[in-house]
Amino acid sequence: MIQNTVATAILDCMQGKLDEHPLAELIREITAAGQSGALRLSRGRAKVAIYFEEGRLVFATSNLRAHRLREVVKRNGLTNAHVAEFSLKASDEELAIAMVQRGLLRPETLTGIRGKQVGDVLRLALLWTDGTWEFDSRVRLADDIRVQIDINRLLLECARHLPASFIAARLARANGSYLRAGNNKMNLLPAEVFVLSRASDSLTLGELTAQSGVGEEDGYRAIYALSLSGLIQRSDWPVALDAEASPVSTRTPRGGPTAAAVDEIDDVADVEALFVRLQLAKDHYEVLDAARLATSDEIKNAYHTLARRFHPDRFHQSDQQLRARVESAFARIAQAYETLSDQPRRADYDARWTPKPAATGGQKSATAANGPSSAKRSAPRADANRAETSFQHGLDALKRNRPDEAIRFLAEAAMLAPREARYRAHYGHALIRQSNTRRIAETELQAALALDPENASYRVMLAELYKQLGLQRRAEGELERALAVDPKNEAARSLLLSLKSKSQKS
C-alpha cells in the first residue's frame, strides 16, 4: 500500500531540465494528452507558472515586474496616475477587481489585457533553453480567470526565434518521420511554406530537408516550428510526462498563480524579457512599447521608463556579454525615441510605414485585379522599397559627414531587409565610428559575411573594426581571406601591409 502511494505521487508530480525537455515541447505534450495541472519553470530567480485544464492552456504568470498586471495595464492605455492609488502590495487579482469596481477598466477590456499579459509571459519562457521544470497534475487554478490563447500560433512564432544550434540538437536526437497533419491557417514564412508543401508523404528529417530546398538551418527551423504548431505530425516526440497519470485530487495546492514571489525582482531576468520583446518588435512604436497614436509626452514617458530600467550604465558590473546585449538593445531604443520624439521625423516615418489607401471609384486596386496572393507580395515589396530608400539616405548622410543621421537610416534599412548583405555591412561599418557600438558593428558585419561570404570589401570593413579593437591577428586574417577572394583588392592589400609593418616595428 505504501509503495502504491509513492508511485502515484511520482506520477502526479514530475520534473526535469529545460535543455532536455524545452517548454514548447512540454506544452505540446500536455495539450496533446489533454492533461490538467500546473507547469512551473525556474531559471535563476525568474519563475513562471502555466496552468492547463483538460489540455487547454488557460493562464500563465511570472514573478518578473514587467509581467505584473500593474505594468501591463500601463502598456495598454492606463497611466501611472491611474494605478498610483492602488497599493503596491496588491496582488494581480486584487488589482484587477479594484480597477473594474472603480470603472477604470471594463471586464471585457480586462480580459483582453490579461490575455496579452499571458502572451508576454509565454513568449519569454518559450525562449529559455536552460533551467528546470516541474509539472503537478493535482494543481487547479483557484481564481476565476481564464484567457484565450492561440497556442499553436504562439509555438510557431517562438520557434522562429530559438537558437539554430538548439533546434538542430533537438532534431538530431530523433529518427522518426514527418507528415503534413492539417490545413494551414497561419501566415507562414517562405521556408515554412516550402517545407509544408513537401510533407504530403511521410519523410525522414533528412529527406524532408533535402526536398524542401531551403538549406539545412532554415529547413530544420521550419520543420521544428511546423511540428510544434501541429501543421506537421512528427512520429517520435520525446516523452517527458506520463500521459496515463491522472489527478488524485481537485484541490488547489499552493494557492494558484499568485504563489510566484514578486518581492524579489531579478534585473537580469527582466532584461531578458526586454530582449524578447525587441526581438519581436516590428517598428519603433513596438520598440518603445507605445501606441501608434501616442502623444509626444507618452512617447517621452515610454522612453524614460525604459531608460531608468535598462540604461547600459546600470549594467556596468554585469558580465561582458550581457553588457553588449544591453548596449545593443538600448541603441535600438534610443534610435526609436530619436525618430518618434521629433515631429517631422515621426511624420516621415509614419508616412513610410502606413500603407496607402486602395484606389476608389471605378478603378480596381492591384489586390482586386491580381487576387489575394498579390496582397501578400505587396508588403515585402514595400519593405524592400523602403529599405532601399533608407539605405540611399544613409549613404548620402555619410557623404555629408552626418554619422548619426547615417546610422539611423542604415539601421532602418537593415531592420526592414535583414537578409540584404550590403545593408548589414554598411550599417556595421558606420557603427565602427562609435566606441560604444563596436560590438554591435561586429555582429552586423559578420551577418553580412554570412549572407555574402565572397565579398572582399565586407572583410576589409571587419578588419578595420578589429584593428580599432586592437585585435591585429583577426584583422590580418580577414584581410588575407579578402585577398584570397579578390587578389586585386587594393584596400585589403594596403591595410594588411600597414598592419604587418607596424607589427615588425614593435
Protein backbone atom coordinates (compact mmCIF):
# COMPACT_ATOMS: atom_id res chain seq x y z
CA MET A 1 0.00 0.00 0.00
CA ILE A 2 2.83 2.39 0.83
CA GLN A 3 4.56 1.55 -2.44
CA ASN A 4 1.41 2.34 -4.43
CA THR A 5 1.06 5.72 -2.70
CA VAL A 6 4.65 6.64 -3.52
CA ALA A 7 4.22 5.63 -7.16
CA THR A 8 1.09 7.80 -7.51
CA ALA A 9 2.90 10.80 -6.04
CA ILE A 10 5.75 10.41 -8.52
CA LEU A 11 3.34 10.28 -11.45
CA ASP A 12 1.36 13.28 -10.24
CA CYS A 13 4.45 15.47 -9.83
CA MET A 14 7.21 15.17 -12.42
CA GLN A 15 10.25 17.36 -13.02
CA GLY A 16 13.22 17.81 -15.30
CA LYS A 17 15.52 20.23 -17.11
CA LEU A 18 14.57 22.59 -19.94
CA ASP A 19 17.63 21.72 -22.02
CA GLU A 20 16.32 18.14 -22.10
CA HIS A 21 12.60 18.96 -22.44
CA PRO A 22 12.05 22.61 -23.51
CA LEU A 23 8.83 24.41 -22.71
CA ALA A 24 7.43 24.31 -26.26
CA GLU A 25 7.65 20.52 -26.30
CA LEU A 26 6.17 20.26 -22.81
CA ILE A 27 3.19 22.41 -23.83
CA ARG A 28 2.69 20.32 -26.96
CA GLU A 29 2.79 17.11 -24.90
CA ILE A 30 0.38 18.36 -22.22
CA THR A 31 -2.15 19.69 -24.72
CA ALA A 32 -1.96 16.57 -26.91
CA ALA A 33 -2.58 14.34 -23.87
CA GLY A 34 -5.45 16.53 -22.60
CA GLN A 35 -3.85 16.86 -19.17
CA SER A 36 -4.65 19.29 -16.36
CA GLY A 37 -2.30 20.79 -13.80
CA ALA A 38 0.41 23.39 -13.29
CA LEU A 39 3.75 23.56 -15.06
CA ARG A 40 6.29 25.55 -13.05
CA LEU A 41 9.54 26.78 -14.56
CA SER A 42 12.60 28.17 -12.82
CA ARG A 43 15.60 29.92 -14.37
CA GLY A 44 17.76 31.57 -11.75
CA ARG A 45 15.47 33.86 -9.79
CA ALA A 46 12.91 34.06 -12.59
CA LYS A 47 9.83 31.88 -12.03
CA VAL A 48 6.92 31.08 -14.33
CA ALA A 49 3.72 29.11 -13.66
CA ILE A 50 1.49 27.85 -16.50
CA TYR A 51 -1.96 26.33 -15.91
CA PHE A 52 -3.76 23.72 -18.01
CA GLU A 53 -7.31 22.38 -17.93
CA GLU A 54 -8.01 19.23 -19.96
CA GLY A 55 -5.30 20.09 -22.43
CA ARG A 56 -6.15 23.81 -22.73
CA LEU A 57 -3.59 26.39 -21.63
CA VAL A 58 -5.74 28.75 -19.56
CA PHE A 59 -3.34 31.06 -17.72
CA ALA A 60 0.31 31.89 -17.06
CA THR A 61 2.10 34.19 -14.65
CA SER A 62 5.65 35.06 -13.62
CA ASN A 63 7.49 36.91 -10.87
CA LEU A 64 9.01 39.47 -13.24
CA ARG A 65 7.99 43.07 -12.69
CA ALA A 66 7.32 43.55 -16.41
CA HIS A 67 4.69 40.79 -16.27
CA ARG A 68 2.72 42.10 -13.31
CA LEU A 69 -0.73 43.44 -14.10
CA ARG A 70 0.24 46.89 -12.76
CA GLU A 71 2.85 47.21 -15.51
CA VAL A 72 0.77 45.53 -18.21
CA VAL A 73 -2.20 47.90 -17.85
CA LYS A 74 0.16 50.87 -18.20
CA ARG A 75 1.25 49.46 -21.55
CA ASN A 76 -2.38 49.20 -22.58
CA GLY A 77 -3.89 52.62 -22.00
CA LEU A 78 -3.68 53.45 -18.28
CA THR A 79 -1.16 55.86 -16.79
CA ASN A 80 0.91 55.98 -13.62
CA ALA A 81 -1.72 58.30 -12.16
CA HIS A 82 -4.43 55.71 -12.75
CA VAL A 83 -2.66 52.96 -10.81
CA ALA A 84 -0.95 55.13 -8.17
CA GLU A 85 -3.96 54.96 -5.87
CA PHE A 86 -3.70 51.17 -5.55
CA SER A 87 -1.33 49.54 -3.07
CA LEU A 88 1.94 48.24 -4.45
CA LYS A 89 1.37 45.13 -2.34
CA ALA A 90 -1.93 44.31 -4.05
CA SER A 91 -1.90 41.04 -5.99
CA ASP A 92 -2.83 41.00 -9.66
CA GLU A 93 -6.24 39.60 -8.81
CA GLU A 94 -6.90 42.27 -6.16
CA LEU A 95 -5.78 44.99 -8.56
CA ALA A 96 -7.99 43.62 -11.35
CA ILE A 97 -11.09 43.61 -9.14
CA ALA A 98 -10.39 47.13 -7.83
CA MET A 99 -9.85 48.62 -11.30
CA VAL A 100 -13.12 47.16 -12.58
CA GLN A 101 -15.02 48.31 -9.48
CA ARG A 102 -13.73 51.88 -9.89
CA GLY A 103 -14.59 51.94 -13.57
CA LEU A 104 -11.02 52.21 -14.86
CA LEU A 105 -11.45 49.05 -16.90
CA ARG A 106 -14.45 47.22 -18.29
CA PRO A 107 -14.48 43.44 -17.67
CA GLU A 108 -14.08 42.63 -21.37
CA THR A 109 -11.16 45.08 -21.65
CA LEU A 110 -9.51 43.50 -18.63
CA THR A 111 -9.90 40.06 -20.20
CA GLY A 112 -8.08 41.25 -23.31
CA ILE A 113 -5.29 42.81 -21.26
CA ARG A 114 -4.83 39.63 -19.25
CA GLY A 115 -4.57 37.70 -22.50
CA LYS A 116 -1.70 39.97 -23.55
CA GLN A 117 -0.14 39.51 -20.10
CA VAL A 118 -0.17 35.73 -20.51
CA GLY A 119 1.21 36.03 -24.05
CA ASP A 120 4.14 38.12 -22.81
CA VAL A 121 4.94 35.55 -20.10
CA LEU A 122 4.89 32.69 -22.59
CA ARG A 123 6.97 34.48 -25.24
CA LEU A 124 9.76 34.91 -22.72
CA ALA A 125 9.64 31.43 -21.21
CA LEU A 126 9.41 29.70 -24.60
CA LEU A 127 12.89 31.02 -25.43
CA TRP A 128 14.52 29.59 -22.30
CA THR A 129 16.96 26.87 -23.26
CA ASP A 130 18.08 26.12 -19.72
CA GLY A 131 16.51 25.99 -16.28
CA THR A 132 14.22 23.47 -14.59
CA TRP A 133 10.55 22.47 -14.82
CA GLU A 134 8.02 20.70 -12.60
CA PHE A 135 4.55 19.50 -13.60
CA ASP A 136 1.97 18.80 -10.89
CA SER A 137 -1.27 17.31 -12.21
CA ARG A 138 -3.05 17.89 -8.86
CA VAL A 139 -2.99 21.68 -9.08
CA ARG A 140 -6.05 23.60 -10.26
CA LEU A 141 -6.35 27.32 -11.00
CA ALA A 142 -8.06 28.79 -7.95
CA ASP A 143 -9.01 32.18 -9.34
CA ASP A 144 -11.85 32.73 -11.76
CA ILE A 145 -9.58 33.87 -14.59
CA ARG A 146 -9.22 32.15 -17.93
CA VAL A 147 -7.75 33.54 -21.15
CA GLN A 148 -7.96 32.52 -24.79
CA ILE A 149 -4.53 31.76 -26.25
CA ASP A 150 -3.85 30.57 -29.79
CA ILE A 151 -1.12 28.28 -28.53
CA ASN A 152 -0.25 26.74 -31.90
CA ARG A 153 0.37 30.16 -33.40
CA LEU A 154 2.47 31.14 -30.38
CA LEU A 155 4.57 27.97 -30.61
CA LEU A 156 5.15 28.62 -34.31
CA GLU A 157 6.13 32.23 -33.63
CA CYS A 158 8.57 31.45 -30.83
CA ALA A 159 10.22 28.53 -32.65
CA ARG A 160 11.32 31.08 -35.24
CA HIS A 161 13.46 32.82 -32.60
CA LEU A 162 15.16 29.87 -30.89
CA PRO A 163 18.92 29.46 -31.48
CA ALA A 164 19.65 27.42 -34.61
CA SER A 165 22.09 25.20 -32.69
CA PHE A 166 19.40 24.39 -30.11
CA ILE A 167 16.89 23.38 -32.80
CA ALA A 168 19.48 21.25 -34.58
CA ALA A 169 20.28 19.46 -31.31
CA ARG A 170 16.56 18.78 -30.68
CA LEU A 171 16.07 17.27 -34.12
CA ALA A 172 19.37 15.39 -34.22
CA ARG A 173 18.19 13.15 -31.38
CA ALA A 174 15.20 11.96 -33.42
CA ASN A 175 14.86 9.27 -36.08
CA GLY A 176 11.16 9.49 -36.83
CA SER A 177 9.08 10.60 -39.78
CA TYR A 178 7.22 13.80 -40.67
CA LEU A 179 3.84 14.08 -42.41
CA ARG A 180 1.54 17.02 -43.12
CA ALA A 181 -1.19 16.97 -40.49
CA GLY A 182 -3.63 19.81 -41.15
CA ASN A 183 -4.69 22.80 -43.19
CA ASN A 184 -2.63 25.93 -42.82
CA LYS A 185 -4.49 28.89 -41.34
CA MET A 186 -1.38 30.81 -40.28
CA ASN A 187 0.88 33.28 -42.03
CA LEU A 188 3.91 31.15 -42.80
CA LEU A 189 7.40 32.21 -43.82
CA PRO A 190 8.60 31.15 -47.29
CA ALA A 191 10.82 28.36 -45.88
CA GLU A 192 7.87 27.03 -43.86
CA VAL A 193 5.64 27.04 -46.94
CA PHE A 194 8.26 25.09 -48.91
CA VAL A 195 8.71 22.50 -46.15
CA LEU A 196 4.97 22.06 -45.65
CA SER A 197 4.41 21.57 -49.38
CA ARG A 198 6.91 18.69 -49.41
CA ALA A 199 5.41 16.85 -46.42
CA SER A 200 2.47 15.28 -48.25
CA ASP A 201 4.21 11.89 -47.85
CA SER A 202 5.85 10.51 -44.72
CA LEU A 203 9.52 11.54 -44.87
CA THR A 204 12.56 11.39 -42.62
CA LEU A 205 14.22 14.56 -41.37
CA GLY A 206 16.96 14.35 -43.98
CA GLU A 207 14.56 13.64 -46.83
CA LEU A 208 12.21 16.48 -45.91
CA THR A 209 15.09 18.95 -45.52
CA ALA A 210 16.61 17.95 -48.87
CA GLN A 211 13.31 18.09 -50.76
CA SER A 212 12.37 21.49 -49.33
CA GLY A 213 15.46 23.03 -50.92
CA VAL A 214 15.80 25.80 -48.31
CA GLY A 215 19.09 24.76 -46.69
CA GLU A 216 19.68 22.79 -43.54
CA GLU A 217 19.40 25.61 -40.97
CA ASP A 218 16.22 27.12 -42.44
CA GLY A 219 14.82 23.65 -43.09
CA TYR A 220 15.38 22.45 -39.53
CA ARG A 221 13.83 25.61 -38.09
CA ALA A 222 10.79 25.30 -40.35
CA ILE A 223 10.32 21.59 -39.57
CA TYR A 224 10.58 22.21 -35.82
CA ALA A 225 8.16 25.15 -35.92
CA LEU A 226 5.61 23.36 -38.09
CA SER A 227 5.80 20.23 -35.91
CA LEU A 228 5.24 22.21 -32.70
CA SER A 229 2.28 24.08 -34.19
CA GLY A 230 0.58 20.89 -35.37
CA LEU A 231 0.87 21.54 -39.10
CA ILE A 232 3.28 18.61 -39.43
CA GLN A 233 2.88 15.37 -37.49
CA ARG A 234 6.12 14.11 -36.01
CA SER A 235 6.23 10.44 -35.06
CA ASP A 236 8.84 10.43 -32.32
CA TRP A 237 8.43 13.38 -29.94
CA PRO A 238 10.44 12.88 -26.73
CA VAL A 239 8.20 11.98 -23.78
CA ALA A 240 8.68 13.92 -20.55
CA LEU A 241 5.36 13.19 -18.80
CA ASP A 242 3.39 10.03 -18.20
CA ALA A 243 0.23 10.61 -20.21
CA GLU A 244 -1.59 7.95 -18.19
CA ALA A 245 -1.10 9.81 -14.91
CA SER A 246 -4.40 11.07 -13.60
CA PRO A 247 -5.01 13.65 -10.87
CA VAL A 248 -5.77 12.29 -7.43
CA SER A 249 -7.48 15.41 -6.19
CA THR A 250 -9.30 18.51 -7.42
CA ARG A 251 -7.99 20.69 -4.63
CA THR A 252 -5.72 23.66 -5.32
CA PRO A 253 -2.36 23.28 -3.55
CA ARG A 254 -0.17 26.32 -3.04
CA GLY A 255 -2.85 28.85 -3.85
CA GLY A 256 -2.73 29.43 -7.61
CA PRO A 257 -0.88 31.91 -9.84
CA THR A 258 -0.12 34.40 -7.09
CA ALA A 259 2.19 31.85 -5.46
CA ALA A 260 5.11 33.13 -7.55
CA ALA A 261 7.15 35.54 -5.46
CA VAL A 262 7.10 39.15 -6.63
CA ASP A 263 9.06 40.88 -3.90
CA GLU A 264 12.47 39.92 -5.31
CA ILE A 265 12.91 41.01 -8.92
CA ASP A 266 15.86 39.81 -10.95
CA ASP A 267 17.22 42.59 -13.18
CA VAL A 268 18.84 40.02 -15.46
CA ALA A 269 15.55 38.20 -15.93
CA ASP A 270 13.77 41.50 -16.58
CA VAL A 271 16.28 42.44 -19.25
CA GLU A 272 15.74 39.07 -20.91
CA ALA A 273 12.07 39.97 -21.19
CA LEU A 274 13.17 43.18 -22.93
CA PHE A 275 15.35 41.23 -25.37
CA VAL A 276 12.41 39.03 -26.31
CA ARG A 277 10.10 42.00 -26.83
CA LEU A 278 12.64 43.82 -29.01
CA GLN A 279 13.24 40.65 -30.99
CA LEU A 280 9.55 40.53 -31.86
CA ALA A 281 9.06 44.30 -32.32
CA LYS A 282 8.06 45.27 -35.86
CA ASP A 283 8.51 49.05 -35.66
CA HIS A 284 9.71 51.92 -33.47
CA TYR A 285 6.42 52.06 -31.58
CA GLU A 286 6.72 48.43 -30.52
CA VAL A 287 10.36 49.04 -29.56
CA LEU A 288 9.23 51.75 -27.11
CA ASP A 289 6.11 49.75 -26.17
CA ALA A 290 3.96 52.76 -27.11
CA ALA A 291 0.72 53.08 -29.04
CA ARG A 292 0.91 54.35 -32.63
CA LEU A 293 -1.35 57.27 -31.64
CA ALA A 294 0.65 58.08 -28.51
CA THR A 295 1.20 61.76 -27.72
CA SER A 296 4.67 63.32 -27.56
CA ASP A 297 4.56 63.17 -23.75
CA GLU A 298 3.60 59.49 -23.84
CA ILE A 299 6.49 58.76 -26.21
CA LYS A 300 8.83 60.60 -23.85
CA ASN A 301 7.48 58.77 -20.79
CA ALA A 302 7.84 55.41 -22.52
CA TYR A 303 11.46 56.16 -23.34
CA HIS A 304 12.32 57.43 -19.86
CA THR A 305 10.70 54.37 -18.29
CA LEU A 306 12.92 52.12 -20.39
CA ALA A 307 15.97 54.32 -19.76
CA ARG A 308 15.53 54.12 -15.98
CA ARG A 309 15.37 50.35 -16.09
CA PHE A 310 17.67 49.38 -18.94
CA HIS A 311 20.28 52.10 -19.48
CA PRO A 312 23.66 50.40 -20.05
CA ASP A 313 25.19 52.30 -17.12
CA ARG A 314 23.04 50.19 -14.77
CA PHE A 315 24.81 47.06 -16.03
CA HIS A 316 28.41 48.23 -15.81
CA GLN A 317 29.20 45.50 -13.28
CA SER A 318 27.48 42.73 -15.27
CA ASP A 319 29.38 40.25 -17.42
CA GLN A 320 30.68 41.50 -20.76
CA GLN A 321 28.24 39.50 -22.90
CA LEU A 322 25.19 40.85 -21.07
CA ARG A 323 26.53 44.42 -21.24
CA ALA A 324 27.00 44.09 -25.00
CA ARG A 325 23.43 42.85 -25.45
CA VAL A 326 22.06 45.67 -23.27
CA GLU A 327 24.03 48.26 -25.23
CA SER A 328 22.68 46.85 -28.48
CA ALA A 329 19.12 46.85 -27.17
CA PHE A 330 19.35 50.37 -25.80
CA ALA A 331 20.85 51.67 -29.04
CA ARG A 332 17.69 50.47 -30.75
CA ILE A 333 15.51 52.09 -28.08
CA ALA A 334 17.40 55.37 -28.42
CA GLN A 335 17.07 55.25 -32.21
CA ALA A 336 13.30 54.72 -31.91
CA TYR A 337 12.98 57.61 -29.46
CA GLU A 338 15.10 59.94 -31.58
CA THR A 339 12.77 59.33 -34.53
CA LEU A 340 9.42 59.44 -32.74
CA SER A 341 10.23 62.39 -30.44
CA ASP A 342 10.88 64.67 -33.42
CA GLN A 343 7.58 65.54 -35.09
CA PRO A 344 8.88 65.96 -38.69
CA ARG A 345 10.85 62.72 -38.47
CA ARG A 346 7.90 60.93 -36.91
CA ALA A 347 5.57 62.14 -39.65
CA ASP A 348 8.02 60.96 -42.30
CA TYR A 349 8.41 57.61 -40.53
CA ASP A 350 4.64 57.14 -40.24
CA ALA A 351 4.18 58.02 -43.90
CA ARG A 352 6.68 55.38 -44.94
CA TRP A 353 5.17 52.72 -42.66
CA THR A 354 1.49 53.41 -43.26
CA PRO A 355 0.05 51.57 -46.30
CA LYS A 356 -1.54 53.75 -48.95
CA PRO A 357 -5.35 53.53 -49.26
CA ALA A 358 -6.79 51.39 -52.00
CA ALA A 359 -7.95 53.05 -55.23
CA THR A 360 -11.56 54.25 -55.22
CA GLY A 361 -14.18 54.94 -57.87
CA GLY A 362 -14.23 52.77 -60.94
CA GLN A 363 -10.59 51.77 -60.67
CA LYS A 364 -9.61 48.35 -59.39
CA SER A 365 -6.84 48.08 -56.86
CA ALA A 366 -3.85 45.91 -57.57
CA THR A 367 -5.09 43.47 -54.97
CA ALA A 368 -8.52 43.20 -56.58
CA ALA A 369 -7.00 42.75 -60.01
CA ASN A 370 -4.44 40.16 -59.09
CA GLY A 371 -6.13 38.29 -56.28
CA PRO A 372 -5.15 37.61 -52.66
CA SER A 373 -1.64 36.48 -53.49
CA SER A 374 -0.82 39.96 -54.79
CA ALA A 375 -1.60 41.44 -51.38
CA LYS A 376 0.79 39.03 -49.72
CA ARG A 377 3.56 40.00 -52.12
CA SER A 378 2.99 43.75 -51.79
CA ALA A 379 4.14 44.01 -48.16
CA PRO A 380 7.61 42.50 -48.74
CA ARG A 381 7.97 44.63 -51.88
CA ALA A 382 7.02 47.76 -49.96
CA ASP A 383 9.51 46.88 -47.23
CA ALA A 384 12.21 46.36 -49.85
CA ASN A 385 11.48 49.76 -51.40
CA ARG A 386 11.56 51.49 -48.01
CA ALA A 387 14.77 49.68 -47.13
CA GLU A 388 16.50 50.80 -50.34
CA THR A 389 15.34 54.38 -49.82
CA SER A 390 16.65 54.40 -46.24
CA PHE A 391 19.92 52.85 -47.42
CA GLN A 392 20.47 55.56 -50.02
CA HIS A 393 19.62 58.25 -47.46
CA GLY A 394 22.20 56.68 -45.15
CA LEU A 395 24.94 56.70 -47.78
CA ASP A 396 24.11 60.31 -48.61
CA ALA A 397 24.33 61.27 -44.93
CA LEU A 398 27.77 59.65 -44.71
CA LYS A 399 28.95 61.73 -47.69
CA ARG A 400 27.70 64.85 -45.92
CA ASN A 401 29.53 63.82 -42.72
CA ARG A 402 26.38 63.27 -40.67
CA PRO A 403 27.18 59.97 -38.94
CA ASP A 404 24.26 59.92 -36.51
CA GLU A 405 21.77 60.51 -39.28
CA ALA A 406 23.51 57.89 -41.41
CA ILE A 407 23.35 55.28 -38.66
CA ARG A 408 19.64 55.90 -38.18
CA PHE A 409 18.85 55.38 -41.87
CA LEU A 410 21.19 52.40 -42.29
CA ALA A 411 19.77 50.74 -39.18
CA GLU A 412 16.28 51.10 -40.60
CA ALA A 413 17.39 49.55 -43.90
CA ALA A 414 18.97 46.61 -42.08
CA MET A 415 15.84 46.12 -39.97
CA LEU A 416 13.48 46.19 -42.97
CA ALA A 417 15.61 43.83 -45.08
CA PRO A 418 17.78 41.77 -42.70
CA ARG A 419 18.87 39.37 -45.44
CA GLU A 420 20.33 42.11 -47.65
CA ALA A 421 24.06 41.83 -47.01
CA ARG A 422 25.03 45.33 -48.15
CA TYR A 423 22.59 46.94 -45.71
CA ARG A 424 24.00 44.97 -42.78
CA ALA A 425 27.60 45.62 -43.86
CA HIS A 426 27.30 49.39 -44.27
CA TYR A 427 25.31 49.68 -41.05
CA GLY A 428 28.05 47.81 -39.21
CA HIS A 429 30.76 49.87 -40.87
CA ALA A 430 29.04 53.10 -39.80
CA LEU A 431 28.89 51.87 -36.20
CA ILE A 432 32.68 51.46 -36.09
CA ARG A 433 33.00 55.21 -35.57
CA GLN A 434 31.39 55.00 -32.11
CA SER A 435 33.32 53.12 -29.45
CA ASN A 436 30.22 52.03 -27.56
CA THR A 437 28.66 50.33 -30.61
CA ARG A 438 31.64 48.42 -31.98
CA ARG A 439 30.42 45.09 -30.66
CA ILE A 440 27.14 45.65 -32.49
CA ALA A 441 29.19 46.58 -35.55
CA GLU A 442 30.96 43.22 -35.37
CA THR A 443 27.62 41.39 -35.24
CA GLU A 444 26.30 43.27 -38.28
CA LEU A 445 29.46 42.76 -40.34
CA GLN A 446 29.59 39.05 -39.51
CA ALA A 447 25.93 38.77 -40.52
CA ALA A 448 26.74 40.43 -43.85
CA LEU A 449 29.57 37.97 -44.45
CA ALA A 450 27.32 35.04 -43.57
CA LEU A 451 24.96 36.26 -46.31
CA ASP A 452 27.75 37.05 -48.81
CA PRO A 453 30.97 35.26 -47.76
CA GLU A 454 32.76 36.01 -51.06
CA ASN A 455 32.56 39.79 -50.65
CA ALA A 456 36.09 41.06 -50.05
CA SER A 457 35.02 44.61 -49.19
CA TYR A 458 32.96 43.39 -46.22
CA ARG A 459 36.02 41.56 -44.90
CA VAL A 460 38.03 44.77 -45.19
CA MET A 461 35.35 46.56 -43.13
CA LEU A 462 35.55 43.84 -40.48
CA ALA A 463 39.34 44.06 -40.49
CA GLU A 464 39.11 47.83 -39.88
CA LEU A 465 36.91 47.12 -36.86
CA TYR A 466 39.33 44.52 -35.49
CA LYS A 467 42.18 46.97 -35.97
CA GLN A 468 40.37 49.56 -33.84
CA LEU A 469 39.66 46.93 -31.18
CA GLY A 470 43.35 46.02 -31.07
CA LEU A 471 42.72 42.52 -32.46
CA GLN A 472 45.53 42.57 -35.01
CA ARG A 473 45.66 38.86 -35.78
CA ARG A 474 41.95 38.77 -36.50
CA ALA A 475 42.31 41.82 -38.71
CA GLU A 476 45.15 40.23 -40.66
CA GLY A 477 43.17 37.02 -41.03
CA GLU A 478 40.18 38.83 -42.53
CA LEU A 479 42.43 40.74 -44.93
CA GLU A 480 44.15 37.57 -46.08
CA ARG A 481 40.75 35.99 -46.73
CA ALA A 482 39.71 39.13 -48.62
CA LEU A 483 42.79 38.88 -50.88
CA ALA A 484 42.16 35.18 -51.45
CA VAL A 485 38.73 36.14 -52.84
CA ASP A 486 39.93 39.26 -54.66
CA PRO A 487 43.73 39.38 -55.15
CA LYS A 488 43.49 42.86 -56.71
CA ASN A 489 41.72 44.46 -53.75
CA GLU A 490 43.97 47.44 -53.02
CA ALA A 491 42.24 48.39 -49.77
CA ALA A 492 42.87 44.94 -48.33
CA ARG A 493 46.48 44.87 -49.52
CA SER A 494 47.27 48.36 -48.22
CA LEU A 495 45.77 47.73 -44.77
CA LEU A 496 47.49 44.34 -44.45
CA LEU A 497 50.88 45.84 -45.30
CA SER A 498 50.26 48.60 -42.76
CA LEU A 499 49.42 46.12 -40.00
CA LYS A 500 52.42 43.88 -40.72
CA SER A 501 54.76 46.87 -40.92
CA LYS A 502 53.53 48.08 -37.55
CA SER A 503 53.95 44.59 -36.11
CA GLN A 504 57.54 44.35 -37.28
CA LYS A 505 58.43 47.73 -35.80
CA SER A 506 57.02 46.80 -32.42
